[in-house]
Structures are given as C-alpha cells and as structure tokens.
Amino acid sequence: MAKKRDSLIVASKVKAYIKSKKMMTSSDALEAISDKVYCMLDSAIARTQANRRSTVKPQDL
C-alpha cells in the first residue's frame, strides 16, 4: 500500500477559492489537488537537475 503523503496545499484556501466561483469541493478533491502539486514539483526538480542546478526556478514549472 502506498504511503500517505503530507498535503502541500492549504485546504481552507482552496475551498474558499472554489466556493468563490460558485462551486463545491468534493471530499477527495483536495487530495487530488495535492497529488497534482507533488507531480508538478517532481517534474520541476527533474528539469532543474537536468540543467545541473540546485535551485528550482519559475521556468522549471
């Protein structure tokens, strides 16, 4: 079984943003959003390493 990772998002801020757009947040949406952030960061880290840098920059995202 996969290890549960810490959330990388602020749930209340995400929910407030979605609510401001007159939408509702499902119970599993926050975990999916956090997973997307992990994926995005992993890709940025890989690009940073491929460019022989140790600092993730906006262009890596």
Protein backbone atom coordinates (compact mmCIF):
# COMPACT_ATOMS: atom_id res chain seq x y z
CA MET A 1 0.00 0.00 0.00
CA ALA A 2 1.27 3.46 -0.86
CA LYS A 3 2.43 5.71 1.95
CA LYS A 4 0.12 8.67 2.57
CA ARG A 5 1.94 11.92 1.83
CA ASP A 6 1.52 15.23 3.61
CA SER A 7 -0.74 17.72 1.88
CA LEU A 8 1.05 20.53 0.06
CA ILE A 9 -1.99 22.78 -0.12
CA VAL A 10 -3.95 24.91 2.32
CA ALA A 11 -7.35 23.23 2.25
CA SER A 12 -9.30 26.23 3.53
CA LYS A 13 -7.82 28.50 0.85
CA VAL A 14 -8.57 26.01 -1.93
CA LYS A 15 -12.12 25.51 -0.68
CA ALA A 16 -12.66 29.28 -0.42
CA TYR A 17 -11.41 29.81 -3.97
CA ILE A 18 -13.66 27.09 -5.36
CA LYS A 19 -16.60 28.46 -3.38
CA SER A 20 -15.92 31.97 -4.74
CA LYS A 21 -16.51 30.51 -8.21
CA LYS A 22 -19.94 29.26 -7.04
CA MET A 23 -18.79 25.62 -6.99
CA MET A 24 -18.48 22.95 -4.31
CA THR A 25 -15.46 20.85 -3.31
CA SER A 26 -15.78 17.06 -3.20
CA SER A 27 -14.30 15.16 -0.29
CA ASP A 28 -11.43 13.71 -2.34
CA ALA A 29 -10.66 16.78 -4.47
CA LEU A 30 -8.13 18.23 -2.03
CA GLU A 31 -6.03 15.06 -2.06
CA ALA A 32 -6.10 15.02 -5.87
CA ILE A 33 -5.00 18.67 -6.00
CA SER A 34 -2.14 17.96 -3.61
CA ASP A 35 -1.11 14.97 -5.76
CA LYS A 36 -1.01 17.27 -8.81
CA VAL A 37 1.25 19.66 -6.89
CA TYR A 38 3.61 16.78 -5.98
CA CYS A 39 3.72 15.75 -9.66
CA MET A 40 4.38 19.32 -10.80
CA LEU A 41 7.19 19.73 -8.26
CA ASP A 42 8.76 16.37 -9.13
CA SER A 43 8.85 17.43 -12.80
CA ALA A 44 10.35 20.79 -11.89
CA ILE A 45 13.01 19.10 -9.75
CA ALA A 46 13.90 16.72 -12.59
CA ARG A 47 14.24 19.65 -15.01
CA THR A 48 16.39 21.53 -12.50
CA GLN A 49 18.70 18.54 -12.07
CA ALA A 50 18.89 18.03 -15.85
CA ASN A 51 20.10 21.62 -16.14
CA ARG A 52 22.73 20.99 -13.45
CA ARG A 53 21.23 23.44 -10.99
CA SER A 54 20.17 23.06 -7.37
CA THR A 55 17.59 25.85 -7.34
CA VAL A 56 14.09 25.32 -8.73
CA LYS A 57 13.11 28.39 -10.74
CA PRO A 58 9.79 29.53 -12.22
CA GLN A 59 10.79 28.33 -15.69
CA ASP A 60 11.14 24.79 -14.29
CA LEU A 61 7.44 24.75 -13.57
